[in-house]
Amino acid sequence: MEIPKRRYEQWDGGSKYLTIDCPQCDWYREIKGMKLCGWGEAFKYLVKRKSPRKCEVKNREQKSFEPSTKYLDGIIKKHDK
């Protein structure tokens, strides 16, 4: 399963490395075994790395836009039905 991109968001579905902080992060989501980061306006697929590092974005200030976690949470609700 691939998470559908939103029509207005060209950056949805990119990738970034899974970090040691991801599993306990507020921005982390998992859908159908796929690990996702919802920090920022666009969601990213998380890719494993041999030696995971600390997260560089989780403590950054969010801009005024709606975070992609709301979009991902909507998909999770639909999927659970």
Protein backbone atom coordinates (compact mmCIF):
# COMPACT_ATOMS: atom_id res chain seq x y z
CA MET A 1 0.00 0.00 0.00
CA GLU A 2 1.20 3.48 -0.81
CA ILE A 3 -0.15 6.51 1.01
CA PRO A 4 -1.95 8.74 -1.52
CA LYS A 5 -0.42 12.16 -2.04
CA ARG A 6 -2.61 15.19 -1.51
CA ARG A 7 -3.37 17.07 -4.71
CA TYR A 8 -1.96 20.35 -3.46
CA GLU A 9 1.18 18.91 -1.82
CA GLN A 10 3.96 18.03 -4.27
CA TRP A 11 6.41 16.93 -1.54
CA ASP A 12 4.24 14.21 0.05
CA GLY A 13 5.85 10.78 0.03
CA GLY A 14 9.51 11.65 0.01
CA SER A 15 11.85 9.71 2.28
CA LYS A 16 14.19 10.35 5.17
CA TYR A 17 16.13 8.16 7.56
CA LEU A 18 14.51 6.49 10.56
CA THR A 19 16.16 7.84 13.72
CA ILE A 20 16.52 6.52 17.25
CA ASP A 21 13.90 9.08 18.34
CA CYS A 22 11.20 8.13 15.83
CA PRO A 23 9.20 5.41 17.66
CA GLN A 24 8.42 7.67 20.66
CA CYS A 25 7.97 10.89 18.66
CA ASP A 26 4.65 12.79 18.38
CA TRP A 27 5.13 13.06 14.60
CA TYR A 28 5.70 9.31 14.03
CA ARG A 29 2.93 7.25 12.43
CA GLU A 30 2.76 3.66 11.23
CA ILE A 31 0.26 2.56 8.60
CA LYS A 32 0.17 -1.02 7.28
CA GLY A 33 3.74 -1.64 8.45
CA MET A 34 5.06 1.53 6.80
CA LYS A 35 6.85 3.94 9.10
CA LEU A 36 6.08 7.60 8.41
CA CYS A 37 7.17 11.00 9.67
CA GLY A 38 4.44 13.61 9.85
CA TRP A 39 6.62 16.53 10.89
CA GLY A 40 5.98 19.49 8.65
CA GLU A 41 3.49 20.03 5.89
CA ALA A 42 4.49 16.97 3.85
CA PHE A 43 4.78 13.41 5.18
CA LYS A 44 7.89 11.31 4.58
CA TYR A 45 8.49 7.55 4.45
CA LEU A 46 11.11 6.50 6.99
CA VAL A 47 13.94 4.34 5.67
CA LYS A 48 16.15 2.21 7.92
CA ARG A 49 19.82 3.06 8.28
CA LYS A 50 22.65 0.86 9.57
CA SER A 51 23.47 3.21 12.41
CA PRO A 52 20.47 5.43 13.27
CA ARG A 53 21.16 8.93 14.56
CA LYS A 54 19.18 11.42 16.63
CA CYS A 55 16.34 13.34 14.99
CA GLU A 56 17.19 16.78 13.65
CA VAL A 57 13.65 18.13 13.25
CA LYS A 58 11.53 17.05 16.22
CA ASN A 59 12.51 20.03 18.38
CA ARG A 60 12.26 22.62 15.60
CA GLU A 61 9.45 25.13 15.77
CA GLN A 62 6.53 24.31 13.46
CA LYS A 63 5.43 26.92 10.94
CA SER A 64 1.82 28.11 10.81
CA PHE A 65 0.72 25.39 8.37
CA GLU A 66 -1.27 22.28 9.27
CA PRO A 67 1.07 19.35 9.99
CA SER A 68 0.72 16.25 7.83
CA THR A 69 -0.04 14.16 10.93
CA LYS A 70 -3.69 15.27 10.63
CA TYR A 71 -3.80 13.84 7.10
CA LEU A 72 -2.09 10.61 8.20
CA ASP A 73 -4.43 10.27 11.20
CA GLY A 74 -7.40 10.52 8.81
CA ILE A 75 -5.97 7.66 6.75
CA ILE A 76 -5.45 5.59 9.91
CA LYS A 77 -9.11 6.15 10.92
CA LYS A 78 -10.36 5.11 7.45
CA HIS A 79 -8.09 2.07 7.46
CA ASP A 80 -9.28 0.93 10.91
CA LYS A 81 -12.95 0.86 9.86
